[in-house]
């Protein structure tokens, strides 16, 4: 994949996200009103925060070890899964 093609596809995805976000916000505002839109925004922020806490940066470490072709890859992935599952249960 060339840089131009990757940039084009990334741009298309970004535009689609922005447009769908605008449409969803308009629909929420029409059906739920300003208070409902605020509640949806707070829930979105809360769910993003819980996701960040539950993953605890484990994805970066797993990506690093997978890229370095560590010999004990199964143990690393198992430990990462157990850590994320435990943190998700606590955060939930």
PDB file of N, CA and C in Angstrom:
ATOM      1  N   UNK A   1       0.845  -1.164   0.000  1.00  0.00           N
ATOM      2  CA  UNK A   1       0.000   0.000   0.000  1.00  0.00           C
ATOM      3  C   UNK A   1       0.900   1.239   0.000  1.00  0.00           C
ATOM      4  N   UNK A   2       0.622   2.132  -0.895  1.00  0.00           N
ATOM      5  CA  UNK A   2       1.419   3.350  -0.994  1.00  0.00           C
ATOM      6  C   UNK A   2       0.935   4.377   0.022  1.00  0.00           C
ATOM      7  N   UNK A   3       1.766   5.390   0.226  1.00  0.00           N
ATOM      8  CA  UNK A   3       1.414   6.457   1.154  1.00  0.00           C
ATOM      9  C   UNK A   3       0.177   7.209   0.672  1.00  0.00           C
ATOM     10  N   UNK A   4       0.085   7.436  -0.627  1.00  0.00           N
ATOM     11  CA  UNK A   4      -1.059   8.163  -1.168  1.00  0.00           C
ATOM     12  C   UNK A   4      -2.354   7.387  -0.949  1.00  0.00           C
ATOM     13  N   UNK A   5      -2.312   6.083  -1.182  1.00  0.00           N
ATOM     14  CA  UNK A   5      -3.517   5.270  -1.006  1.00  0.00           C
ATOM     15  C   UNK A   5      -3.915   5.202   0.468  1.00  0.00           C
ATOM     16  N   UNK A   6      -2.933   5.033   1.344  1.00  0.00           N
ATOM     17  CA  UNK A   6      -3.217   4.997   2.781  1.00  0.00           C
ATOM     18  C   UNK A   6      -3.800   6.319   3.252  1.00  0.00           C
ATOM     19  N   UNK A   7      -3.258   7.428   2.756  1.00  0.00           N
ATOM     20  CA  UNK A   7      -3.772   8.748   3.121  1.00  0.00           C
ATOM     21  C   UNK A   7      -5.187   8.945   2.612  1.00  0.00           C
ATOM     22  N   UNK A   8      -5.455   8.502   1.392  1.00  0.00           N
ATOM     23  CA  UNK A   8      -6.799   8.628   0.822  1.00  0.00           C
ATOM     24  C   UNK A   8      -7.810   7.822   1.638  1.00  0.00           C
ATOM     25  N   UNK A   9      -7.481   6.580   1.955  1.00  0.00           N
ATOM     26  CA  UNK A   9      -8.393   5.743   2.725  1.00  0.00           C
ATOM     27  C   UNK A   9      -8.599   6.295   4.134  1.00  0.00           C
ATOM     28  N   UNK A  10      -7.537   6.792   4.743  1.00  0.00           N
ATOM     29  CA  UNK A  10      -7.650   7.394   6.066  1.00  0.00           C
ATOM     30  C   UNK A  10      -8.529   8.642   6.021  1.00  0.00           C
ATOM     31  N   UNK A  11      -8.395   9.428   4.980  1.00  0.00           N
ATOM     32  CA  UNK A  11      -9.228  10.617   4.813  1.00  0.00           C
ATOM     33  C   UNK A  11     -10.695  10.262   4.634  1.00  0.00           C
ATOM     34  N   UNK A  12     -10.963   9.209   3.870  1.00  0.00           N
ATOM     35  CA  UNK A  12     -12.343   8.780   3.661  1.00  0.00           C
ATOM     36  C   UNK A  12     -12.963   8.322   4.981  1.00  0.00           C
ATOM     37  N   UNK A  13     -12.218   7.564   5.755  1.00  0.00           N
ATOM     38  CA  UNK A  13     -12.724   7.090   7.041  1.00  0.00           C
ATOM     39  C   UNK A  13     -12.974   8.269   7.985  1.00  0.00           C
ATOM     40  N   UNK A  14     -12.068   9.227   7.994  1.00  0.00           N
ATOM     41  CA  UNK A  14     -12.228  10.395   8.860  1.00  0.00           C
ATOM     42  C   UNK A  14     -13.462  11.203   8.471  1.00  0.00           C
ATOM     43  N   UNK A  15     -13.661  11.419   7.197  1.00  0.00           N
ATOM     44  CA  UNK A  15     -14.835  12.159   6.729  1.00  0.00           C
ATOM     45  C   UNK A  15     -16.116  11.404   7.090  1.00  0.00           C
ATOM     46  N   UNK A  16     -16.118  10.094   6.914  1.00  0.00           N
ATOM     47  CA  UNK A  16     -17.299   9.297   7.256  1.00  0.00           C
ATOM     48  C   UNK A  16     -17.602   9.391   8.753  1.00  0.00           C
ATOM     49  N   UNK A  17     -16.568   9.365   9.592  1.00  0.00           N
ATOM     50  CA  UNK A  17     -16.776   9.490  11.039  1.00  0.00           C
ATOM     51  C   UNK A  17     -17.355  10.845  11.405  1.00  0.00           C
ATOM     52  N   UNK A  18     -16.832  11.893  10.817  1.00  0.00           N
ATOM     53  CA  UNK A  18     -17.314  13.236  11.124  1.00  0.00           C
ATOM     54  C   UNK A  18     -18.768  13.388  10.698  1.00  0.00           C
ATOM     55  N   UNK A  19     -19.088  12.932   9.496  1.00  0.00           N
ATOM     56  CA  UNK A  19     -20.453  13.056   8.988  1.00  0.00           C
ATOM     57  C   UNK A  19     -21.415  12.219   9.828  1.00  0.00           C
ATOM     58  N   UNK A  20     -21.044  10.990  10.149  1.00  0.00           N
ATOM     59  CA  UNK A  20     -21.935  10.156  10.962  1.00  0.00           C
ATOM     60  C   UNK A  20     -22.092  10.733  12.365  1.00  0.00           C
ATOM     61  N   UNK A  21     -21.042  11.319  12.919  1.00  0.00           N
ATOM     62  CA  UNK A  21     -21.146  11.962  14.226  1.00  0.00           C
ATOM     63  C   UNK A  21     -22.090  13.146  14.208  1.00  0.00           C
ATOM     64  N   UNK A  22     -22.022  13.947  13.154  1.00  0.00           N
ATOM     65  CA  UNK A  22     -22.929  15.090  13.033  1.00  0.00           C
ATOM     66  C   UNK A  22     -24.375  14.633  12.897  1.00  0.00           C
ATOM     67  N   UNK A  23     -24.585  13.595  12.093  1.00  0.00           N
ATOM     68  CA  UNK A  23     -25.939  13.086  11.910  1.00  0.00           C
ATOM     69  C   UNK A  23     -26.488  12.509  13.213  1.00  0.00           C
ATOM     70  N   UNK A  24     -25.677  11.717  13.904  1.00  0.00           N
ATOM     71  CA  UNK A  24     -26.133  11.151  15.177  1.00  0.00           C
ATOM     72  C   UNK A  24     -26.421  12.232  16.215  1.00  0.00           C
ATOM     73  N   UNK A  25     -25.584  13.237  16.293  1.00  0.00           N
ATOM     74  CA  UNK A  25     -25.840  14.329  17.238  1.00  0.00           C
ATOM     75  C   UNK A  25     -27.142  15.050  16.914  1.00  0.00           C
ATOM     76  N   UNK A  26     -27.423  15.241  15.639  1.00  0.00           N
ATOM     77  CA  UNK A  26     -28.671  15.902  15.246  1.00  0.00           C
ATOM     78  C   UNK A  26     -29.874  15.039  15.609  1.00  0.00           C
ATOM     79  N   UNK A  27     -29.773  13.730  15.363  1.00  0.00           N
ATOM     80  CA  UNK A  27     -30.871  12.822  15.701  1.00  0.00           C
ATOM     81  C   UNK A  27     -31.089  12.800  17.212  1.00  0.00           C
ATOM     82  N   UNK A  28     -30.013  12.689  17.990  1.00  0.00           N
ATOM     83  CA  UNK A  28     -30.144  12.705  19.444  1.00  0.00           C
ATOM     84  C   UNK A  28     -30.750  14.016  19.926  1.00  0.00           C
ATOM     85  N   UNK A  29     -30.320  15.126  19.349  1.00  0.00           N
ATOM     86  CA  UNK A  29     -30.843  16.423  19.766  1.00  0.00           C
ATOM     87  C   UNK A  29     -32.334  16.540  19.444  1.00  0.00           C
ATOM     88  N   UNK A  30     -32.757  16.015  18.313  1.00  0.00           N
ATOM     89  CA  UNK A  30     -34.176  16.106  17.949  1.00  0.00           C
ATOM     90  C   UNK A  30     -35.046  15.211  18.827  1.00  0.00           C
ATOM     91  N   UNK A  31     -34.612  13.990  19.065  1.00  0.00           N
ATOM     92  CA  UNK A  31     -35.444  13.047  19.797  1.00  0.00           C
ATOM     93  C   UNK A  31     -35.298  13.145  21.310  1.00  0.00           C
ATOM     94  N   UNK A  32     -34.113  13.458  21.797  1.00  0.00           N
ATOM     95  CA  UNK A  32     -33.872  13.466  23.239  1.00  0.00           C
ATOM     96  C   UNK A  32     -33.845  14.864  23.843  1.00  0.00           C
ATOM     97  N   UNK A  33     -33.662  15.862  23.019  1.00  0.00           N
ATOM     98  CA  UNK A  33     -33.571  17.226  23.525  1.00  0.00           C
ATOM     99  C   UNK A  33     -32.184  17.527  24.056  1.00  0.00           C
ATOM    100  N   UNK A  34     -31.994  18.743  24.535  1.00  0.00           N
ATOM    101  CA  UNK A  34     -30.675  19.144  25.022  1.00  0.00           C
ATOM    102  C   UNK A  34     -30.200  18.332  26.228  1.00  0.00           C
ATOM    103  N   UNK A  35     -31.123  18.010  27.135  1.00  0.00           N
ATOM    104  CA  UNK A  35     -30.740  17.254  28.326  1.00  0.00           C
ATOM    105  C   UNK A  35     -30.335  15.837  27.937  1.00  0.00           C
ATOM    106  N   UNK A  36     -31.089  15.221  27.027  1.00  0.00           N
ATOM    107  CA  UNK A  36     -30.756  13.873  26.572  1.00  0.00           C
ATOM    108  C   UNK A  36     -29.425  13.839  25.845  1.00  0.00           C
ATOM    109  N   UNK A  37     -29.161  14.870  25.042  1.00  0.00           N
ATOM    110  CA  UNK A  37     -27.884  14.945  24.334  1.00  0.00           C
ATOM    111  C   UNK A  37     -26.728  15.073  25.322  1.00  0.00           C
ATOM    112  N   UNK A  38     -26.938  15.826  26.392  1.00  0.00           N
ATOM    113  CA  UNK A  38     -25.899  15.958  27.423  1.00  0.00           C
ATOM    114  C   UNK A  38     -25.659  14.619  28.122  1.00  0.00           C
ATOM    115  N   UNK A  39     -26.725  13.875  28.402  1.00  0.00           N
ATOM    116  CA  UNK A  39     -26.582  12.576  29.054  1.00  0.00           C
ATOM    117  C   UNK A  39     -25.839  11.604  28.151  1.00  0.00           C
ATOM    118  N   UNK A  40     -26.164  11.606  26.854  1.00  0.00           N
ATOM    119  CA  UNK A  40     -25.473  10.730  25.908  1.00  0.00           C
ATOM    120  C   UNK A  40     -23.991  11.107  25.838  1.00  0.00           C
ATOM    121  N   UNK A  41     -23.689  12.388  25.837  1.00  0.00           N
ATOM    122  CA  UNK A  41     -22.296  12.841  25.819  1.00  0.00           C
ATOM    123  C   UNK A  41     -21.543  12.417  27.069  1.00  0.00           C
ATOM    124  N   UNK A  42     -22.204  12.518  28.229  1.00  0.00           N
ATOM    125  CA  UNK A  42     -21.558  12.096  29.473  1.00  0.00           C
ATOM    126  C   UNK A  42     -21.331  10.591  29.477  1.00  0.00           C
ATOM    127  N   UNK A  43     -22.300   9.824  28.969  1.00  0.00           N
ATOM    128  CA  UNK A  43     -22.133   8.378  28.912  1.00  0.00           C
ATOM    129  C   UNK A  43     -20.990   7.998  27.979  1.00  0.00           C
ATOM    130  N   UNK A  44     -20.874   8.686  26.849  1.00  0.00           N
ATOM    131  CA  UNK A  44     -19.787   8.423  25.914  1.00  0.00           C
ATOM    132  C   UNK A  44     -18.430   8.706  26.564  1.00  0.00           C
ATOM    133  N   UNK A  45     -18.347   9.812  27.272  1.00  0.00           N
ATOM    134  CA  UNK A  45     -17.108  10.151  27.962  1.00  0.00           C
ATOM    135  C   UNK A  45     -16.786   9.129  29.041  1.00  0.00           C
ATOM    136  N   UNK A  46     -17.799   8.709  29.789  1.00  0.00           N
ATOM    137  CA  UNK A  46     -17.595   7.717  30.840  1.00  0.00           C
ATOM    138  C   UNK A  46     -17.136   6.386  30.258  1.00  0.00           C
ATOM    139  N   UNK A  47     -17.762   5.954  29.161  1.00  0.00           N
ATOM    140  CA  UNK A  47     -17.364   4.677  28.567  1.00  0.00           C
ATOM    141  C   UNK A  47     -15.949   4.744  28.006  1.00  0.00           C
ATOM    142  N   UNK A  48     -15.545   5.876  27.460  1.00  0.00           N
ATOM    143  CA  UNK A  48     -14.164   6.038  26.998  1.00  0.00           C
ATOM    144  C   UNK A  48     -13.186   5.981  28.164  1.00  0.00           C
ATOM    145  N   UNK A  49     -13.561   6.576  29.270  1.00  0.00           N
ATOM    146  CA  UNK A  49     -12.706   6.568  30.448  1.00  0.00           C
ATOM    147  C   UNK A  49     -12.564   5.148  31.002  1.00  0.00           C
ATOM    148  N   UNK A  50     -13.662   4.406  31.078  1.00  0.00           N
ATOM    149  CA  UNK A  50     -13.609   3.030  31.576  1.00  0.00           C
ATOM    150  C   UNK A  50     -12.782   2.157  30.644  1.00  0.00           C
ATOM    151  N   UNK A  51     -12.910   2.366  29.338  1.00  0.00           N
ATOM    152  CA  UNK A  51     -12.102   1.611  28.381  1.00  0.00           C
ATOM    153  C   UNK A  51     -10.621   1.895  28.597  1.00  0.00           C
ATOM    154  N   UNK A  52     -10.265   3.147  28.784  1.00  0.00           N
ATOM    155  CA  UNK A  52      -8.865   3.503  29.020  1.00  0.00           C
ATOM    156  C   UNK A  52      -8.324   2.901  30.300  1.00  0.00           C
ATOM    157  N   UNK A  53      -9.139   2.888  31.340  1.00  0.00           N
ATOM    158  CA  UNK A  53      -8.710   2.296  32.608  1.00  0.00           C
ATOM    159  C   UNK A  53      -8.581   0.787  32.472  1.00  0.00           C
ATOM    160  N   UNK A  54      -9.529   0.164  31.780  1.00  0.00           N
ATOM    161  CA  UNK A  54      -9.536  -1.297  31.711  1.00  0.00           C
ATOM    162  C   UNK A  54      -8.394  -1.846  30.855  1.00  0.00           C
ATOM    163  N   UNK A  55      -8.007  -1.134  29.818  1.00  0.00           N
ATOM    164  CA  UNK A  55      -6.889  -1.627  29.005  1.00  0.00           C
ATOM    165  C   UNK A  55      -5.553  -1.269  29.628  1.00  0.00           C
ATOM    166  N   UNK A  56      -5.513  -0.173  30.370  1.00  0.00           N
ATOM    167  CA  UNK A  56      -4.336   0.229  31.144  1.00  0.00           C
ATOM    168  C   UNK A  56      -3.042   0.233  30.331  1.00  0.00           C
ATOM    169  N   UNK A  57      -3.110   0.539  29.071  1.00  0.00           N
ATOM    170  CA  UNK A  57      -1.908   0.617  28.253  1.00  0.00           C
ATOM    171  C   UNK A  57      -1.313  -0.726  27.886  1.00  0.00           C
ATOM    172  N   UNK A  58      -2.058  -1.795  28.105  1.00  0.00           N
ATOM    173  CA  UNK A  58      -1.547  -3.134  27.826  1.00  0.00           C
ATOM    174  C   UNK A  58      -1.355  -3.340  26.322  1.00  0.00           C
ATOM    175  N   UNK A  59      -2.203  -2.734  25.517  1.00  0.00           N
ATOM    176  CA  UNK A  59      -2.126  -2.927  24.061  1.00  0.00           C
ATOM    177  C   UNK A  59      -0.768  -2.498  23.510  1.00  0.00           C
ATOM    178  N   UNK A  60      -0.218  -1.417  24.022  1.00  0.00           N
ATOM    179  CA  UNK A  60       1.089  -0.958  23.535  1.00  0.00           C
ATOM    180  C   UNK A  60       2.177  -1.969  23.846  1.00  0.00           C
ATOM    181  N   UNK A  61       2.142  -2.526  25.040  1.00  0.00           N
ATOM    182  CA  UNK A  61       3.140  -3.528  25.415  1.00  0.00           C
ATOM    183  C   UNK A  61       3.009  -4.805  24.610  1.00  0.00           C
ATOM    184  N   UNK A  62       1.774  -5.255  24.391  1.00  0.00           N
ATOM    185  CA  UNK A  62       1.561  -6.473  23.603  1.00  0.00           C
ATOM    186  C   UNK A  62       2.018  -6.251  22.168  1.00  0.00           C
ATOM    187  N   UNK A  63       1.712  -5.109  21.609  1.00  0.00           N
ATOM    188  CA  UNK A  63       2.143  -4.801  20.245  1.00  0.00           C
ATOM    189  C   UNK A  63       3.666  -4.811  20.146  1.00  0.00           C
ATOM    190  N   UNK A  64       4.327  -4.249  21.138  1.00  0.00           N
ATOM    191  CA  UNK A  64       5.791  -4.223  21.150  1.00  0.00           C
ATOM    192  C   UNK A  64       6.374  -5.633  21.198  1.00  0.00           C
ATOM    193  N   UNK A  65       5.817  -6.482  22.047  1.00  0.00           N
ATOM    194  CA  UNK A  65       6.345  -7.843  22.171  1.00  0.00           C
ATOM    195  C   UNK A  65       6.020  -8.700  20.950  1.00  0.00           C
ATOM    196  N   UNK A  66       4.849  -8.487  20.357  1.00  0.00           N
ATOM    197  CA  UNK A  66       4.514  -9.237  19.139  1.00  0.00           C
ATOM    198  C   UNK A  66       5.447  -8.822  18.011  1.00  0.00           C
ATOM    199  N   UNK A  67       5.738  -7.531  17.918  1.00  0.00           N
ATOM    200  CA  UNK A  67       6.623  -7.043  16.860  1.00  0.00           C
ATOM    201  C   UNK A  67       8.055  -7.558  17.041  1.00  0.00           C
ATOM    202  N   UNK A  68       8.477  -7.746  18.297  1.00  0.00           N
ATOM    203  CA  UNK A  68       9.832  -8.233  18.531  1.00  0.00           C
ATOM    204  C   UNK A  68       9.932  -9.757  18.452  1.00  0.00           C
ATOM    205  N   UNK A  69       8.823 -10.415  18.174  1.00  0.00           N
ATOM    206  CA  UNK A  69       8.754 -11.875  18.027  1.00  0.00           C
ATOM    207  C   UNK A  69       9.329 -12.570  19.259  1.00  0.00           C
ATOM    208  N   UNK A  70       8.772 -12.199  20.385  1.00  0.00           N
ATOM    209  CA  UNK A  70       9.196 -12.788  21.657  1.00  0.00           C
ATOM    210  C   UNK A  70       8.905 -14.286  21.670  1.00  0.00           C
ATOM    211  N   UNK A  71       9.793 -15.097  22.246  1.00  0.00           N
ATOM    212  CA  UNK A  71       9.582 -16.555  22.228  1.00  0.00           C
ATOM    213  C   UNK A  71       8.404 -17.020  23.086  1.00  0.00           C
ATOM    214  N   UNK A  72       8.067 -16.288  24.134  1.00  0.00           N
ATOM    215  CA  UNK A  72       6.951 -16.688  24.993  1.00  0.00           C
ATOM    216  C   UNK A  72       5.706 -15.847  24.703  1.00  0.00           C
ATOM    217  N   UNK A  73       5.330 -15.808  23.446  1.00  0.00           N
ATOM    218  CA  UNK A  73       4.221 -14.974  22.988  1.00  0.00           C
ATOM    219  C   UNK A  73       2.893 -15.403  23.592  1.00  0.00           C
ATOM    220  N   UNK A  74       2.660 -16.712  23.719  1.00  0.00           N
ATOM    221  CA  UNK A  74       1.390 -17.188  24.277  1.00  0.00           C
ATOM    222  C   UNK A  74       1.232 -16.727  25.724  1.00  0.00           C
ATOM    223  N   UNK A  75       2.302 -16.759  26.494  1.00  0.00           N
ATOM    224  CA  UNK A  75       2.239 -16.320  27.887  1.00  0.00           C
ATOM    225  C   UNK A  75       1.969 -14.819  27.985  1.00  0.00           C
ATOM    226  N   UNK A  76       2.570 -14.052  27.099  1.00  0.00           N
ATOM    227  CA  UNK A  76       2.374 -12.600  27.106  1.00  0.00           C
ATOM    228  C   UNK A  76       0.925 -12.262  26.771  1.00  0.00           C
ATOM    229  N   UNK A  77       0.382 -12.899  25.744  1.00  0.00           N
ATOM    230  CA  UNK A  77      -0.999 -12.615  25.346  1.00  0.00           C
ATOM    231  C   UNK A  77      -1.965 -13.089  26.432  1.00  0.00           C
ATOM    232  N   UNK A  78      -1.700 -14.238  27.039  1.00  0.00           N
ATOM    233  CA  UNK A  78      -2.557 -14.721  28.118  1.00  0.00           C
ATOM    234  C   UNK A  78      -2.559 -13.797  29.321  1.00  0.00           C
ATOM    235  N   UNK A  79      -1.383 -13.314  29.685  1.00  0.00           N
ATOM    236  CA  UNK A  79      -1.278 -12.391  30.803  1.00  0.00           C
ATOM    237  C   UNK A  79      -1.974 -11.071  30.493  1.00  0.00           C
ATOM    238  N   UNK A  80      -1.809 -10.578  29.271  1.00  0.00           N
ATOM    239  CA  UNK A  80      -2.474  -9.337  28.876  1.00  0.00           C
ATOM    240  C   UNK A  80      -3.987  -9.502  28.911  1.00  0.00           C
ATOM    241  N   UNK A  81      -4.483 -10.643  28.440  1.00  0.00           N
ATOM    242  CA  UNK A  81      -5.921 -10.894  28.463  1.00  0.00           C
ATOM    243  C   UNK A  81      -6.439 -10.939  29.896  1.00  0.00           C
ATOM    244  N   UNK A  82      -5.725 -11.647  30.771  1.00  0.00           N
ATOM    245  CA  UNK A  82      -6.150 -11.747  32.174  1.00  0.00           C
ATOM    246  C   UNK A  82      -6.121 -10.380  32.853  1.00  0.00           C
ATOM    247  N   UNK A  83      -5.098  -9.596  32.568  1.00  0.00           N
ATOM    248  CA  UNK A  83      -4.994  -8.262  33.154  1.00  0.00           C
ATOM    249  C   UNK A  83      -6.141  -7.370  32.704  1.00  0.00           C
ATOM    250  N   UNK A  84      -6.405  -7.363  31.393  1.00  0.00           N
ATOM    251  CA  UNK A  84      -7.501  -6.526  30.870  1.00  0.00           C
ATOM    252  C   UNK A  84      -8.863  -7.005  31.379  1.00  0.00           C
ATOM    253  N   UNK A  85      -9.058  -8.334  31.468  1.00  0.00           N
ATOM    254  CA  UNK A  85     -10.324  -8.857  31.952  1.00  0.00           C
ATOM    255  C   UNK A  85     -10.526  -8.470  33.411  1.00  0.00           C
ATOM    256  N   UNK A  86      -9.491  -8.599  34.219  1.00  0.00           N
ATOM    257  CA  UNK A  86      -9.597  -8.215  35.617  1.00  0.00           C
ATOM    258  C   UNK A  86      -9.861  -6.735  35.803  1.00  0.00           C
ATOM    259  N   UNK A  87      -9.148  -5.903  35.049  1.00  0.00           N
ATOM    260  CA  UNK A  87      -9.346  -4.458  35.138  1.00  0.00           C
ATOM    261  C   UNK A  87     -10.722  -4.049  34.633  1.00  0.00           C
ATOM    262  N   UNK A  88     -11.227  -4.750  33.622  1.00  0.00           N
ATOM    263  CA  UNK A  88     -12.568  -4.447  33.112  1.00  0.00           C
ATOM    264  C   UNK A  88     -13.628  -4.784  34.152  1.00  0.00           C
ATOM    265  N   UNK A  89     -13.462  -5.899  34.824  1.00  0.00           N
ATOM    266  CA  UNK A  89     -14.421  -6.279  35.866  1.00  0.00           C
ATOM    267  C   UNK A  89     -14.413  -5.243  37.001  1.00  0.00           C
ATOM    268  N   UNK A  90     -13.228  -4.823  37.418  1.00  0.00           N
ATOM    269  CA  UNK A  90     -13.136  -3.825  38.486  1.00  0.00           C
ATOM    270  C   UNK A  90     -13.712  -2.490  38.024  1.00  0.00           C
ATOM    271  N   UNK A  91     -13.399  -2.077  36.797  1.00  0.00           N
ATOM    272  CA  UNK A  91     -13.881  -0.788  36.296  1.00  0.00           C
ATOM    273  C   UNK A  91     -15.385  -0.798  36.066  1.00  0.00           C
ATOM    274  N   UNK A  92     -15.923  -1.964  35.720  1.00  0.00           N
ATOM    275  CA  UNK A  92     -17.367  -2.043  35.488  1.00  0.00           C
ATOM    276  C   UNK A  92     -18.117  -1.941  36.786  1.00  0.00           C
TER     277      UNK A  92
END
